[in-house]
């Protein structure tokens, strides 16, 4: 690995740790709220991935809880970029390991396919009853 790629990975790691610390801080604050009040503010707050926004209107304030997709996208982008740099540097090792990984995944007993809609109504009893 040359020096430039090493520095790039260090910078990516630093940014990843910064985003992870934001999540950890939110999770700690949510756990503190839960411990103080005996329940979570809303389900999922203790994960650190939920964000609360307070909107003021004429009728009062409204709390809106959403998943922090921007932080998750940022983490994923950093991880992909770091993996790309790593694989470029270790292309030969990756090429040797890839058939082993594919073979291991094919031997998994769990089906990884996701079925969406379609199919015959006989496969789903509630639809078969309605169709009859």
N, C-alpha and C. Protein backbone atom coordinates (compact mmCIF):
# COMPACT_ATOMS: atom_id res chain seq x y z
N UNK A 1 0.86 -1.17 0.00
CA UNK A 1 0.00 0.00 0.00
C UNK A 1 0.90 1.23 0.00
N UNK A 2 0.65 2.13 -0.94
CA UNK A 2 1.50 3.32 -0.96
C UNK A 2 1.02 4.34 0.07
N UNK A 3 1.83 5.36 0.26
CA UNK A 3 1.58 6.35 1.31
C UNK A 3 0.29 7.13 1.10
N UNK A 4 -0.04 7.44 -0.16
CA UNK A 4 -1.25 8.21 -0.45
C UNK A 4 -2.50 7.43 -0.05
N UNK A 5 -2.54 6.14 -0.41
CA UNK A 5 -3.70 5.32 -0.06
C UNK A 5 -3.79 5.13 1.45
N UNK A 6 -2.63 5.01 2.10
CA UNK A 6 -2.62 4.87 3.56
C UNK A 6 -3.21 6.10 4.23
N UNK A 7 -2.83 7.28 3.73
CA UNK A 7 -3.39 8.53 4.29
C UNK A 7 -4.88 8.64 4.00
N UNK A 8 -5.27 8.22 2.81
CA UNK A 8 -6.70 8.28 2.45
C UNK A 8 -7.51 7.38 3.38
N UNK A 9 -7.01 6.18 3.66
CA UNK A 9 -7.72 5.29 4.56
C UNK A 9 -7.78 5.86 5.97
N UNK A 10 -6.70 6.51 6.42
CA UNK A 10 -6.71 7.14 7.74
C UNK A 10 -7.76 8.25 7.81
N UNK A 11 -7.84 9.06 6.75
CA UNK A 11 -8.84 10.14 6.72
C UNK A 11 -10.26 9.57 6.69
N UNK A 12 -10.47 8.53 5.89
CA UNK A 12 -11.78 7.90 5.84
C UNK A 12 -12.15 7.32 7.20
N UNK A 13 -11.18 6.69 7.85
CA UNK A 13 -11.44 6.12 9.17
C UNK A 13 -11.76 7.21 10.18
N UNK A 14 -11.07 8.32 10.12
CA UNK A 14 -11.33 9.43 11.04
C UNK A 14 -12.74 9.97 10.85
N UNK A 15 -13.16 10.12 9.60
CA UNK A 15 -14.51 10.62 9.32
C UNK A 15 -15.56 9.60 9.76
N UNK A 16 -15.30 8.31 9.53
CA UNK A 16 -16.22 7.26 9.96
C UNK A 16 -16.37 7.29 11.48
N UNK A 17 -15.26 7.43 12.20
CA UNK A 17 -15.31 7.49 13.66
C UNK A 17 -16.07 8.72 14.14
N UNK A 18 -15.95 9.84 13.41
CA UNK A 18 -16.68 11.05 13.78
C UNK A 18 -18.18 10.83 13.65
N UNK A 19 -18.60 10.24 12.54
CA UNK A 19 -20.03 9.95 12.36
C UNK A 19 -20.52 8.93 13.38
N UNK A 20 -19.70 7.94 13.68
CA UNK A 20 -20.08 6.94 14.67
C UNK A 20 -20.20 7.56 16.06
N UNK A 21 -19.35 8.55 16.36
CA UNK A 21 -19.44 9.21 17.67
C UNK A 21 -20.72 10.03 17.79
N UNK A 22 -21.20 10.58 16.68
CA UNK A 22 -22.49 11.30 16.68
C UNK A 22 -23.60 10.32 17.06
N UNK A 23 -23.58 9.14 16.45
CA UNK A 23 -24.59 8.12 16.75
C UNK A 23 -24.49 7.69 18.21
N UNK A 24 -23.26 7.46 18.68
CA UNK A 24 -23.06 7.02 20.07
C UNK A 24 -23.53 8.08 21.06
N UNK A 25 -23.29 9.36 20.76
CA UNK A 25 -23.72 10.45 21.64
C UNK A 25 -25.24 10.51 21.71
N UNK A 26 -25.90 10.40 20.55
CA UNK A 26 -27.37 10.39 20.54
C UNK A 26 -27.91 9.21 21.34
N UNK A 27 -27.29 8.05 21.17
CA UNK A 27 -27.75 6.85 21.89
C UNK A 27 -27.59 7.04 23.39
N UNK A 28 -26.48 7.65 23.83
CA UNK A 28 -26.25 7.89 25.26
C UNK A 28 -27.30 8.85 25.81
N UNK A 29 -27.61 9.91 25.05
CA UNK A 29 -28.64 10.86 25.49
C UNK A 29 -30.01 10.18 25.58
N UNK A 30 -30.31 9.30 24.63
CA UNK A 30 -31.60 8.59 24.64
C UNK A 30 -31.67 7.63 25.82
N UNK A 31 -30.56 6.96 26.14
CA UNK A 31 -30.55 6.05 27.29
C UNK A 31 -30.71 6.84 28.59
N UNK A 32 -30.10 8.02 28.64
CA UNK A 32 -30.25 8.88 29.82
C UNK A 32 -31.71 9.28 30.00
N UNK A 33 -32.38 9.65 28.91
CA UNK A 33 -33.81 10.00 28.96
C UNK A 33 -34.62 8.79 29.42
N UNK A 34 -34.31 7.61 28.87
CA UNK A 34 -35.04 6.39 29.23
C UNK A 34 -34.85 6.08 30.71
N UNK A 35 -33.63 6.21 31.21
CA UNK A 35 -33.37 5.92 32.62
C UNK A 35 -34.08 6.92 33.53
N UNK A 36 -34.17 8.17 33.11
CA UNK A 36 -34.80 9.20 33.90
C UNK A 36 -36.32 9.07 33.92
N UNK A 37 -36.92 8.73 32.75
CA UNK A 37 -38.38 8.70 32.63
C UNK A 37 -38.96 7.29 32.64
N UNK A 38 -38.12 6.26 32.60
CA UNK A 38 -38.61 4.90 32.64
C UNK A 38 -39.08 4.34 31.32
N UNK A 39 -38.97 5.11 30.24
CA UNK A 39 -39.33 4.61 28.91
C UNK A 39 -38.59 5.44 27.86
N UNK A 40 -38.52 4.88 26.66
CA UNK A 40 -37.89 5.61 25.56
C UNK A 40 -38.80 6.73 25.10
N UNK A 41 -38.20 7.78 24.60
CA UNK A 41 -38.99 8.89 24.06
C UNK A 41 -39.84 8.40 22.89
N UNK A 42 -39.26 7.58 22.06
CA UNK A 42 -39.97 6.90 20.98
C UNK A 42 -39.18 5.64 20.65
N UNK A 43 -39.80 4.60 20.15
CA UNK A 43 -39.05 3.38 19.85
C UNK A 43 -37.90 3.65 18.88
N UNK A 44 -36.75 3.10 19.20
CA UNK A 44 -35.59 3.25 18.33
C UNK A 44 -34.65 4.37 18.72
N UNK A 45 -35.03 5.21 19.66
CA UNK A 45 -34.17 6.34 20.02
C UNK A 45 -32.84 5.89 20.61
N UNK A 46 -32.84 4.77 21.34
CA UNK A 46 -31.61 4.31 21.98
C UNK A 46 -30.59 3.77 20.98
N UNK A 47 -31.00 3.60 19.72
CA UNK A 47 -30.05 3.16 18.69
C UNK A 47 -29.13 4.30 18.28
N UNK A 48 -29.57 5.53 18.51
CA UNK A 48 -28.78 6.68 18.09
C UNK A 48 -29.01 7.06 16.64
N UNK A 49 -29.90 6.34 15.97
CA UNK A 49 -30.14 6.60 14.55
C UNK A 49 -31.43 7.38 14.31
N UNK A 50 -32.16 7.68 15.38
CA UNK A 50 -33.38 8.46 15.24
C UNK A 50 -33.09 9.92 15.57
N UNK A 51 -33.75 10.81 14.85
CA UNK A 51 -33.57 12.24 15.05
C UNK A 51 -34.92 12.85 15.41
N UNK A 52 -34.91 13.72 16.40
CA UNK A 52 -36.15 14.41 16.79
C UNK A 52 -36.08 15.84 16.28
N UNK A 53 -37.14 16.24 15.60
CA UNK A 53 -37.25 17.63 15.15
C UNK A 53 -38.52 18.19 15.78
N UNK A 54 -38.41 19.41 16.30
CA UNK A 54 -39.55 20.07 16.93
C UNK A 54 -39.99 21.21 16.03
N UNK A 55 -41.25 21.19 15.62
CA UNK A 55 -41.82 22.24 14.78
C UNK A 55 -42.84 23.01 15.58
N UNK A 56 -42.75 24.32 15.55
CA UNK A 56 -43.72 25.18 16.22
C UNK A 56 -44.77 25.63 15.22
N UNK A 57 -46.02 25.51 15.63
CA UNK A 57 -47.14 25.97 14.81
C UNK A 57 -48.03 26.86 15.66
N UNK A 58 -49.08 27.36 15.07
CA UNK A 58 -50.01 28.20 15.82
C UNK A 58 -50.71 27.40 16.92
N UNK A 59 -50.86 26.12 16.70
CA UNK A 59 -51.56 25.27 17.68
C UNK A 59 -50.64 24.69 18.74
N UNK A 60 -49.35 24.91 18.63
CA UNK A 60 -48.40 24.37 19.60
C UNK A 60 -47.18 23.79 18.91
N UNK A 61 -46.52 22.90 19.60
CA UNK A 61 -45.33 22.28 19.03
C UNK A 61 -45.61 20.83 18.64
N UNK A 62 -44.93 20.41 17.62
CA UNK A 62 -45.06 19.03 17.13
C UNK A 62 -43.67 18.41 17.09
N UNK A 63 -43.55 17.21 17.63
CA UNK A 63 -42.29 16.48 17.57
C UNK A 63 -42.38 15.47 16.43
N UNK A 64 -41.37 15.48 15.58
CA UNK A 64 -41.32 14.54 14.47
C UNK A 64 -40.05 13.71 14.64
N UNK A 65 -40.20 12.39 14.66
CA UNK A 65 -39.08 11.47 14.81
C UNK A 65 -38.83 10.79 13.47
N UNK A 66 -37.59 10.86 13.00
CA UNK A 66 -37.25 10.24 11.73
C UNK A 66 -35.92 9.50 11.85
N UNK A 67 -35.73 8.57 10.95
CA UNK A 67 -34.46 7.86 10.85
C UNK A 67 -33.45 8.80 10.20
N UNK A 68 -32.24 8.84 10.73
CA UNK A 68 -31.21 9.72 10.19
C UNK A 68 -30.55 9.06 8.98
N UNK A 69 -31.20 9.18 7.85
CA UNK A 69 -30.71 8.53 6.62
C UNK A 69 -29.42 9.16 6.12
N UNK A 70 -29.24 10.46 6.32
CA UNK A 70 -28.03 11.12 5.84
C UNK A 70 -26.79 10.55 6.51
N UNK A 71 -26.84 10.34 7.81
CA UNK A 71 -25.69 9.77 8.51
C UNK A 71 -25.44 8.34 8.05
N UNK A 72 -26.50 7.56 7.90
CA UNK A 72 -26.34 6.19 7.42
C UNK A 72 -25.76 6.15 6.01
N UNK A 73 -26.23 7.03 5.13
CA UNK A 73 -25.67 7.09 3.78
C UNK A 73 -24.21 7.49 3.81
N UNK A 74 -23.87 8.44 4.69
CA UNK A 74 -22.48 8.87 4.82
C UNK A 74 -21.58 7.73 5.28
N UNK A 75 -22.03 7.00 6.29
CA UNK A 75 -21.25 5.85 6.78
C UNK A 75 -21.06 4.83 5.67
N UNK A 76 -22.13 4.52 4.96
CA UNK A 76 -22.06 3.52 3.89
C UNK A 76 -21.13 3.96 2.77
N UNK A 77 -21.18 5.24 2.41
CA UNK A 77 -20.30 5.75 1.35
C UNK A 77 -18.84 5.65 1.77
N UNK A 78 -18.55 6.00 3.01
CA UNK A 78 -17.18 5.90 3.51
C UNK A 78 -16.70 4.45 3.50
N UNK A 79 -17.57 3.54 3.92
CA UNK A 79 -17.20 2.13 3.94
C UNK A 79 -16.95 1.60 2.53
N UNK A 80 -17.79 1.99 1.58
CA UNK A 80 -17.60 1.56 0.19
C UNK A 80 -16.29 2.09 -0.38
N UNK A 81 -16.01 3.37 -0.12
CA UNK A 81 -14.79 3.97 -0.65
C UNK A 81 -13.56 3.32 -0.04
N UNK A 82 -13.59 3.06 1.26
CA UNK A 82 -12.47 2.40 1.92
C UNK A 82 -12.28 1.00 1.37
N UNK A 83 -13.37 0.29 1.14
CA UNK A 83 -13.27 -1.06 0.57
C UNK A 83 -12.69 -1.02 -0.84
N UNK A 84 -13.08 -0.02 -1.61
CA UNK A 84 -12.55 0.11 -2.97
C UNK A 84 -11.04 0.33 -2.93
N UNK A 85 -10.56 1.21 -2.07
CA UNK A 85 -9.12 1.45 -1.95
C UNK A 85 -8.41 0.17 -1.50
N UNK A 86 -8.99 -0.49 -0.51
CA UNK A 86 -8.37 -1.71 0.01
C UNK A 86 -8.29 -2.79 -1.06
N UNK A 87 -9.38 -2.99 -1.81
CA UNK A 87 -9.38 -4.02 -2.85
C UNK A 87 -8.44 -3.69 -3.99
N UNK A 88 -8.28 -2.40 -4.31
CA UNK A 88 -7.31 -2.01 -5.34
C UNK A 88 -5.91 -2.41 -4.92
N UNK A 89 -5.60 -2.24 -3.66
CA UNK A 89 -4.27 -2.57 -3.16
C UNK A 89 -4.07 -4.07 -3.02
N UNK A 90 -5.14 -4.80 -2.76
CA UNK A 90 -5.04 -6.24 -2.51
C UNK A 90 -5.84 -7.03 -3.53
N UNK A 91 -5.76 -6.60 -4.77
CA UNK A 91 -6.52 -7.22 -5.85
C UNK A 91 -6.21 -8.72 -5.98
N UNK A 92 -4.94 -9.09 -5.91
CA UNK A 92 -4.57 -10.49 -6.09
C UNK A 92 -5.15 -11.35 -4.98
N UNK A 93 -5.01 -10.90 -3.72
CA UNK A 93 -5.55 -11.67 -2.61
C UNK A 93 -7.07 -11.78 -2.71
N UNK A 94 -7.73 -10.69 -3.12
CA UNK A 94 -9.19 -10.69 -3.25
C UNK A 94 -9.61 -11.67 -4.34
N UNK A 95 -8.88 -11.71 -5.44
CA UNK A 95 -9.21 -12.62 -6.54
C UNK A 95 -9.08 -14.07 -6.10
N UNK A 96 -8.11 -14.34 -5.23
CA UNK A 96 -7.93 -15.70 -4.74
C UNK A 96 -9.03 -16.09 -3.75
N UNK A 97 -9.52 -15.14 -2.97
CA UNK A 97 -10.53 -15.43 -1.94
C UNK A 97 -11.94 -15.46 -2.48
N UNK A 98 -12.21 -14.77 -3.58
CA UNK A 98 -13.56 -14.65 -4.09
C UNK A 98 -14.24 -15.99 -4.36
N UNK A 99 -13.60 -16.97 -5.01
CA UNK A 99 -14.29 -18.26 -5.22
C UNK A 99 -14.65 -18.94 -3.90
N UNK A 100 -13.82 -18.78 -2.88
CA UNK A 100 -14.10 -19.39 -1.58
C UNK A 100 -15.34 -18.74 -0.96
N UNK A 101 -15.44 -17.42 -1.06
CA UNK A 101 -16.59 -16.70 -0.50
C UNK A 101 -17.86 -17.10 -1.25
N UNK A 102 -17.79 -17.17 -2.57
CA UNK A 102 -18.96 -17.53 -3.36
C UNK A 102 -19.42 -18.95 -2.99
N UNK A 103 -18.47 -19.87 -2.86
CA UNK A 103 -18.81 -21.25 -2.49
C UNK A 103 -19.46 -21.30 -1.11
N UNK A 104 -18.94 -20.51 -0.16
CA UNK A 104 -19.49 -20.49 1.19
C UNK A 104 -20.91 -19.94 1.19
N UNK A 105 -21.16 -18.91 0.40
CA UNK A 105 -22.49 -18.31 0.34
C UNK A 105 -23.48 -19.28 -0.31
N UNK A 106 -23.03 -20.00 -1.33
CA UNK A 106 -23.92 -20.95 -2.00
C UNK A 106 -24.31 -22.10 -1.09
N UNK A 107 -23.46 -22.43 -0.12
CA UNK A 107 -23.74 -23.53 0.79
C UNK A 107 -24.62 -23.14 1.97
N UNK A 108 -25.00 -21.86 2.06
CA UNK A 108 -25.84 -21.43 3.17
C UNK A 108 -27.20 -22.10 3.10
N UNK A 109 -27.73 -22.55 4.23
CA UNK A 109 -29.03 -23.22 4.21
C UNK A 109 -30.20 -22.25 4.10
N UNK A 110 -29.97 -20.98 4.28
CA UNK A 110 -31.04 -19.99 4.29
C UNK A 110 -31.22 -19.43 2.88
N UNK A 111 -32.47 -19.28 2.48
CA UNK A 111 -32.77 -18.68 1.19
C UNK A 111 -32.63 -17.17 1.31
N UNK A 112 -31.89 -16.58 0.38
CA UNK A 112 -31.68 -15.15 0.42
C UNK A 112 -32.55 -14.41 -0.59
N UNK A 113 -33.50 -15.12 -1.22
CA UNK A 113 -34.35 -14.47 -2.21
C UNK A 113 -35.52 -13.78 -1.53
N UNK A 114 -35.92 -12.67 -2.09
CA UNK A 114 -37.06 -11.91 -1.58
C UNK A 114 -38.13 -11.92 -2.65
N UNK A 115 -39.32 -12.33 -2.28
CA UNK A 115 -40.42 -12.38 -3.23
C UNK A 115 -41.31 -11.18 -3.01
N UNK A 116 -41.65 -10.52 -4.09
CA UNK A 116 -42.51 -9.34 -4.01
C UNK A 116 -43.73 -9.55 -4.88
N UNK A 117 -44.89 -9.57 -4.25
CA UNK A 117 -46.15 -9.64 -4.99
C UNK A 117 -46.21 -10.77 -6.00
N UNK A 118 -47.16 -10.71 -6.88
CA UNK A 118 -47.29 -11.69 -7.95
C UNK A 118 -47.54 -13.08 -7.41
N UNK A 119 -47.34 -14.06 -8.25
CA UNK A 119 -47.53 -15.44 -7.83
C UNK A 119 -49.00 -15.83 -7.87
N UNK A 120 -49.25 -17.09 -7.60
CA UNK A 120 -50.63 -17.57 -7.64
C UNK A 120 -51.31 -17.34 -6.30
N UNK A 121 -52.62 -17.11 -6.30
CA UNK A 121 -53.32 -16.91 -5.04
C UNK A 121 -53.35 -18.17 -4.18
N UNK A 122 -53.14 -19.33 -4.78
CA UNK A 122 -53.16 -20.57 -4.01
C UNK A 122 -52.00 -20.62 -3.01
N UNK A 123 -50.94 -19.91 -3.30
CA UNK A 123 -49.79 -19.88 -2.41
C UNK A 123 -50.05 -19.12 -1.12
N UNK A 124 -51.06 -18.28 -1.14
CA UNK A 124 -51.42 -17.49 0.04
C UNK A 124 -52.87 -17.80 0.40
N UNK A 125 -53.11 -18.46 1.53
CA UNK A 125 -54.47 -18.89 1.88
C UNK A 125 -55.47 -17.76 1.95
N UNK A 126 -55.10 -16.60 2.47
CA UNK A 126 -56.07 -15.53 2.59
C UNK A 126 -56.53 -15.02 1.24
N UNK A 127 -55.65 -15.05 0.24
CA UNK A 127 -56.05 -14.64 -1.10
C UNK A 127 -56.86 -15.73 -1.78
N UNK A 128 -56.52 -16.98 -1.51
CA UNK A 128 -57.26 -18.09 -2.14
C UNK A 128 -58.71 -18.07 -1.67
N UNK A 129 -58.94 -17.73 -0.41
CA UNK A 129 -60.31 -17.69 0.11
C UNK A 129 -61.09 -16.57 -0.56
N UNK A 130 -60.44 -15.40 -0.73
CA UNK A 130 -61.12 -14.28 -1.37
C UNK A 130 -61.41 -14.56 -2.83
N UNK A 131 -60.49 -15.28 -3.49
CA UNK A 131 -60.65 -15.56 -4.92
C UNK A 131 -61.79 -16.55 -5.16
N UNK A 132 -62.06 -17.43 -4.18
CA UNK A 132 -63.09 -18.48 -4.35
C UNK A 132 -64.49 -17.94 -4.21
